[in-house]
Amino acid sequence: GHEDTVWNLCCSPQGEKIVSCDNSGMILLWRVIPEEDKNLKLDLLSRNKCPNDAPIYSIDWSSDGRLIAIGSSDNSLTLLSLDADDKLQQVVVRKQAHEGD
């Protein structure tokens, strides 16, 4: 799992995957696996470093599940897509996309 403070996590619209982000700039992608006893298990699919190497404070899926948006401490906004191997690929980075603390 994460080795630093986790700031946010979000379920995919279909409910089958979760992304989480932390203070070190890591994004983890998890598969949600239902078990027979109605509990859920998380299987780590991939570890991805934030493209700009900054702590990530927010993360969310697009409503169609094709993109993941992250907001990082350097005020940039990054859009990522998920490839067939469950790796995140950078689509867009907008530096200084938001202001404030």
N, C-alpha and C. Protein backbone atom coordinates (compact mmCIF):
# COMPACT_ATOMS: atom_id res chain seq x y z
N GLY A 1 0.81 -1.19 0.00
CA GLY A 1 0.00 0.00 0.00
C GLY A 1 0.86 1.26 0.00
N HIS A 2 0.30 2.28 0.55
CA HIS A 2 0.97 3.58 0.62
C HIS A 2 2.01 3.59 1.73
N GLU A 3 3.05 4.40 1.53
CA GLU A 3 4.09 4.56 2.54
C GLU A 3 4.07 5.95 3.14
N ASP A 4 3.09 6.77 2.77
CA ASP A 4 2.96 8.13 3.28
C ASP A 4 1.49 8.41 3.54
N THR A 5 1.18 9.58 4.05
CA THR A 5 -0.19 9.95 4.39
C THR A 5 -1.09 9.91 3.15
N VAL A 6 -2.19 9.18 3.25
CA VAL A 6 -3.17 9.11 2.17
C VAL A 6 -4.12 10.29 2.32
N TRP A 7 -4.24 11.08 1.25
CA TRP A 7 -5.08 12.28 1.30
C TRP A 7 -6.47 12.04 0.74
N ASN A 8 -6.60 11.12 -0.20
CA ASN A 8 -7.90 10.95 -0.84
C ASN A 8 -7.96 9.60 -1.53
N LEU A 9 -9.19 9.12 -1.76
CA LEU A 9 -9.42 7.93 -2.56
C LEU A 9 -10.79 8.05 -3.18
N CYS A 10 -10.99 7.29 -4.26
CA CYS A 10 -12.25 7.39 -4.99
C CYS A 10 -12.54 6.08 -5.72
N CYS A 11 -13.81 5.69 -5.71
CA CYS A 11 -14.26 4.51 -6.46
C CYS A 11 -14.57 4.87 -7.90
N SER A 12 -14.27 3.95 -8.80
CA SER A 12 -14.65 4.13 -10.21
C SER A 12 -16.17 4.13 -10.30
N PRO A 13 -16.73 4.73 -11.34
CA PRO A 13 -18.19 4.76 -11.48
C PRO A 13 -18.83 3.37 -11.49
N GLN A 14 -18.11 2.37 -12.00
CA GLN A 14 -18.63 1.00 -12.05
C GLN A 14 -18.44 0.28 -10.70
N GLY A 15 -17.64 0.87 -9.81
CA GLY A 15 -17.43 0.29 -8.49
C GLY A 15 -16.43 -0.85 -8.46
N GLU A 16 -15.71 -1.09 -9.55
CA GLU A 16 -14.80 -2.23 -9.59
C GLU A 16 -13.34 -1.86 -9.30
N LYS A 17 -13.02 -0.55 -9.29
CA LYS A 17 -11.65 -0.11 -9.02
C LYS A 17 -11.68 1.10 -8.09
N ILE A 18 -10.57 1.28 -7.38
CA ILE A 18 -10.38 2.42 -6.50
C ILE A 18 -9.02 3.02 -6.81
N VAL A 19 -8.93 4.34 -6.82
CA VAL A 19 -7.64 5.03 -6.89
C VAL A 19 -7.44 5.76 -5.57
N SER A 20 -6.20 5.79 -5.11
CA SER A 20 -5.86 6.50 -3.89
C SER A 20 -4.58 7.29 -4.14
N CYS A 21 -4.41 8.38 -3.39
CA CYS A 21 -3.25 9.24 -3.59
C CYS A 21 -2.66 9.63 -2.24
N ASP A 22 -1.37 9.98 -2.26
CA ASP A 22 -0.73 10.29 -0.99
C ASP A 22 0.22 11.49 -1.06
N ASN A 23 0.80 11.77 0.08
CA ASN A 23 1.68 12.93 0.25
C ASN A 23 2.98 12.82 -0.53
N SER A 24 3.39 11.61 -0.88
CA SER A 24 4.64 11.43 -1.63
C SER A 24 4.43 11.55 -3.14
N GLY A 25 3.18 11.76 -3.57
CA GLY A 25 2.88 11.86 -4.99
C GLY A 25 2.58 10.53 -5.65
N MET A 26 2.33 9.50 -4.85
CA MET A 26 2.00 8.18 -5.41
C MET A 26 0.50 8.05 -5.61
N ILE A 27 0.15 7.41 -6.73
CA ILE A 27 -1.24 7.07 -7.04
C ILE A 27 -1.29 5.55 -7.12
N LEU A 28 -2.14 4.95 -6.30
CA LEU A 28 -2.29 3.50 -6.33
C LEU A 28 -3.64 3.16 -6.92
N LEU A 29 -3.65 2.16 -7.78
CA LEU A 29 -4.87 1.66 -8.41
C LEU A 29 -5.16 0.28 -7.84
N TRP A 30 -6.38 0.11 -7.36
CA TRP A 30 -6.80 -1.12 -6.70
C TRP A 30 -7.99 -1.72 -7.42
N ARG A 31 -8.07 -3.04 -7.46
CA ARG A 31 -9.26 -3.75 -7.95
C ARG A 31 -10.06 -4.18 -6.72
N VAL A 32 -11.37 -3.96 -6.78
CA VAL A 32 -12.26 -4.39 -5.70
C VAL A 32 -12.76 -5.78 -6.04
N ILE A 33 -12.51 -6.73 -5.15
CA ILE A 33 -12.89 -8.12 -5.40
C ILE A 33 -13.91 -8.56 -4.34
N PRO A 34 -15.16 -8.84 -4.77
CA PRO A 34 -16.14 -9.35 -3.83
C PRO A 34 -15.77 -10.78 -3.41
N GLU A 35 -15.93 -11.07 -2.13
CA GLU A 35 -15.66 -12.42 -1.64
C GLU A 35 -16.97 -13.10 -1.28
N GLU A 36 -16.93 -14.41 -1.11
CA GLU A 36 -18.13 -15.19 -0.87
C GLU A 36 -18.88 -14.76 0.38
N ASP A 37 -18.17 -14.29 1.40
CA ASP A 37 -18.82 -13.90 2.65
C ASP A 37 -19.33 -12.46 2.63
N LYS A 38 -19.45 -11.88 1.44
CA LYS A 38 -19.95 -10.53 1.19
C LYS A 38 -18.98 -9.44 1.64
N ASN A 39 -17.77 -9.82 2.02
CA ASN A 39 -16.73 -8.83 2.29
C ASN A 39 -16.07 -8.47 0.97
N LEU A 40 -15.27 -7.42 1.00
CA LEU A 40 -14.54 -6.99 -0.18
C LEU A 40 -13.05 -7.08 0.08
N LYS A 41 -12.31 -7.44 -0.94
CA LYS A 41 -10.85 -7.51 -0.88
C LYS A 41 -10.31 -6.51 -1.89
N LEU A 42 -9.20 -5.85 -1.55
CA LEU A 42 -8.54 -4.93 -2.48
C LEU A 42 -7.26 -5.57 -2.99
N ASP A 43 -7.11 -5.60 -4.31
CA ASP A 43 -5.93 -6.14 -4.97
C ASP A 43 -5.20 -4.99 -5.64
N LEU A 44 -3.93 -4.76 -5.27
CA LEU A 44 -3.16 -3.67 -5.84
C LEU A 44 -2.82 -3.99 -7.30
N LEU A 45 -3.26 -3.12 -8.22
CA LEU A 45 -3.00 -3.32 -9.65
C LEU A 45 -1.75 -2.59 -10.11
N SER A 46 -1.57 -1.35 -9.65
CA SER A 46 -0.40 -0.59 -10.10
C SER A 46 -0.08 0.55 -9.14
N ARG A 47 1.20 0.92 -9.15
CA ARG A 47 1.70 2.09 -8.41
C ARG A 47 2.19 3.07 -9.47
N ASN A 48 1.76 4.31 -9.36
CA ASN A 48 2.09 5.33 -10.36
C ASN A 48 2.55 6.59 -9.64
N LYS A 49 3.62 7.18 -10.11
CA LYS A 49 4.12 8.42 -9.54
C LYS A 49 3.47 9.60 -10.24
N CYS A 50 3.10 10.62 -9.47
CA CYS A 50 2.53 11.85 -10.04
C CYS A 50 3.52 12.42 -11.04
N PRO A 51 3.07 12.80 -12.23
CA PRO A 51 3.98 13.29 -13.26
C PRO A 51 4.83 14.48 -12.83
N ASN A 52 4.30 15.33 -11.96
CA ASN A 52 5.07 16.50 -11.52
C ASN A 52 5.72 16.29 -10.15
N ASP A 53 5.67 15.07 -9.63
CA ASP A 53 6.37 14.69 -8.41
C ASP A 53 5.97 15.51 -7.18
N ALA A 54 4.71 15.89 -7.10
CA ALA A 54 4.21 16.70 -5.98
C ALA A 54 3.20 15.89 -5.17
N PRO A 55 3.03 16.23 -3.90
CA PRO A 55 1.97 15.59 -3.11
C PRO A 55 0.60 15.80 -3.79
N ILE A 56 -0.23 14.79 -3.76
CA ILE A 56 -1.55 14.84 -4.39
C ILE A 56 -2.60 14.91 -3.28
N TYR A 57 -3.42 15.94 -3.35
CA TYR A 57 -4.44 16.14 -2.32
C TYR A 57 -5.83 15.70 -2.75
N SER A 58 -6.09 15.64 -4.05
CA SER A 58 -7.42 15.23 -4.48
C SER A 58 -7.32 14.37 -5.75
N ILE A 59 -8.28 13.47 -5.86
CA ILE A 59 -8.32 12.55 -7.00
C ILE A 59 -9.76 12.16 -7.24
N ASP A 60 -10.15 12.02 -8.51
CA ASP A 60 -11.52 11.64 -8.81
C ASP A 60 -11.59 11.05 -10.23
N TRP A 61 -12.56 10.17 -10.43
CA TRP A 61 -12.81 9.56 -11.74
C TRP A 61 -13.78 10.43 -12.52
N SER A 62 -13.68 10.42 -13.84
CA SER A 62 -14.72 11.02 -14.68
C SER A 62 -15.94 10.11 -14.60
N SER A 63 -17.10 10.66 -14.94
CA SER A 63 -18.34 9.89 -14.81
C SER A 63 -18.37 8.66 -15.73
N ASP A 64 -17.61 8.69 -16.83
CA ASP A 64 -17.58 7.53 -17.72
C ASP A 64 -16.46 6.55 -17.37
N GLY A 65 -15.65 6.88 -16.35
CA GLY A 65 -14.60 5.97 -15.89
C GLY A 65 -13.36 5.94 -16.75
N ARG A 66 -13.26 6.82 -17.76
CA ARG A 66 -12.13 6.78 -18.69
C ARG A 66 -10.95 7.65 -18.24
N LEU A 67 -11.23 8.68 -17.44
CA LEU A 67 -10.18 9.60 -17.00
C LEU A 67 -10.16 9.72 -15.48
N ILE A 68 -8.98 10.06 -14.98
CA ILE A 68 -8.80 10.33 -13.56
C ILE A 68 -8.17 11.72 -13.46
N ALA A 69 -8.76 12.58 -12.64
CA ALA A 69 -8.23 13.92 -12.43
C ALA A 69 -7.55 13.98 -11.07
N ILE A 70 -6.36 14.60 -11.05
CA ILE A 70 -5.66 14.77 -9.77
C ILE A 70 -5.31 16.25 -9.59
N GLY A 71 -5.42 16.69 -8.35
CA GLY A 71 -5.00 18.04 -7.98
C GLY A 71 -3.85 17.91 -7.00
N SER A 72 -2.74 18.56 -7.30
CA SER A 72 -1.56 18.40 -6.47
C SER A 72 -1.17 19.69 -5.77
N SER A 73 -0.25 19.59 -4.83
CA SER A 73 0.12 20.70 -3.97
C SER A 73 0.80 21.84 -4.71
N ASP A 74 1.29 21.60 -5.92
CA ASP A 74 1.92 22.67 -6.70
C ASP A 74 0.89 23.43 -7.55
N ASN A 75 -0.39 23.24 -7.21
CA ASN A 75 -1.52 23.91 -7.87
C ASN A 75 -1.76 23.46 -9.30
N SER A 76 -1.25 22.29 -9.68
CA SER A 76 -1.51 21.82 -11.03
C SER A 76 -2.64 20.79 -11.03
N LEU A 77 -3.26 20.70 -12.18
CA LEU A 77 -4.33 19.75 -12.43
C LEU A 77 -3.84 18.81 -13.52
N THR A 78 -3.95 17.51 -13.28
CA THR A 78 -3.48 16.53 -14.25
C THR A 78 -4.62 15.56 -14.57
N LEU A 79 -4.81 15.28 -15.85
CA LEU A 79 -5.75 14.26 -16.28
C LEU A 79 -4.97 13.04 -16.72
N LEU A 80 -5.40 11.88 -16.26
CA LEU A 80 -4.75 10.62 -16.57
C LEU A 80 -5.76 9.68 -17.20
N SER A 81 -5.30 8.83 -18.10
CA SER A 81 -6.17 7.78 -18.64
C SER A 81 -5.62 6.44 -18.18
N LEU A 82 -6.47 5.45 -18.19
CA LEU A 82 -6.10 4.11 -17.75
C LEU A 82 -5.93 3.23 -18.96
N ASP A 83 -4.72 2.64 -19.14
CA ASP A 83 -4.51 1.79 -20.31
C ASP A 83 -4.97 0.35 -20.04
N ALA A 84 -4.84 -0.51 -21.02
CA ALA A 84 -5.32 -1.89 -20.92
C ALA A 84 -4.58 -2.69 -19.85
N ASP A 85 -3.36 -2.26 -19.49
CA ASP A 85 -2.57 -2.96 -18.47
C ASP A 85 -2.73 -2.33 -17.09
N ASP A 86 -3.76 -1.50 -16.92
CA ASP A 86 -4.03 -0.81 -15.66
C ASP A 86 -2.91 0.13 -15.23
N LYS A 87 -2.23 0.71 -16.20
CA LYS A 87 -1.23 1.75 -15.93
C LYS A 87 -1.85 3.09 -16.27
N LEU A 88 -1.52 4.10 -15.49
CA LEU A 88 -2.04 5.43 -15.73
C LEU A 88 -1.13 6.18 -16.69
N GLN A 89 -1.72 6.80 -17.69
CA GLN A 89 -0.99 7.56 -18.70
C GLN A 89 -1.42 9.02 -18.63
N GLN A 90 -0.45 9.92 -18.63
CA GLN A 90 -0.75 11.34 -18.58
C GLN A 90 -1.40 11.79 -19.87
N VAL A 91 -2.50 12.53 -19.76
CA VAL A 91 -3.20 13.07 -20.91
C VAL A 91 -2.97 14.59 -20.99
N VAL A 92 -3.19 15.29 -19.88
CA VAL A 92 -3.07 16.75 -19.83
C VAL A 92 -2.52 17.15 -18.47
N VAL A 93 -1.63 18.17 -18.48
CA VAL A 93 -1.19 18.80 -17.23
C VAL A 93 -1.40 20.28 -17.40
N ARG A 94 -2.05 20.89 -16.43
CA ARG A 94 -2.25 22.33 -16.43
C ARG A 94 -1.63 22.89 -15.17
N LYS A 95 -0.50 23.54 -15.31
CA LYS A 95 0.19 24.12 -14.16
C LYS A 95 -0.54 25.38 -13.73
N GLN A 96 -0.48 25.64 -12.43
CA GLN A 96 -1.17 26.78 -11.81
C GLN A 96 -2.66 26.80 -12.18
N ALA A 97 -3.26 25.64 -12.17
CA ALA A 97 -4.67 25.52 -12.53
C ALA A 97 -5.60 26.00 -11.42
N HIS A 98 -5.11 25.98 -10.20
CA HIS A 98 -5.94 26.46 -9.09
C HIS A 98 -5.06 27.23 -8.12
N GLU A 99 -5.69 28.09 -7.34
CA GLU A 99 -4.96 28.91 -6.40
C GLU A 99 -5.45 28.63 -4.99
N GLY A 100 -4.68 29.07 -4.02
CA GLY A 100 -5.08 28.94 -2.63
C GLY A 100 -4.33 27.85 -1.92
N ASP A 101 -4.67 27.68 -0.66
CA ASP A 101 -4.00 26.70 0.19
C ASP A 101 -4.66 25.34 0.09
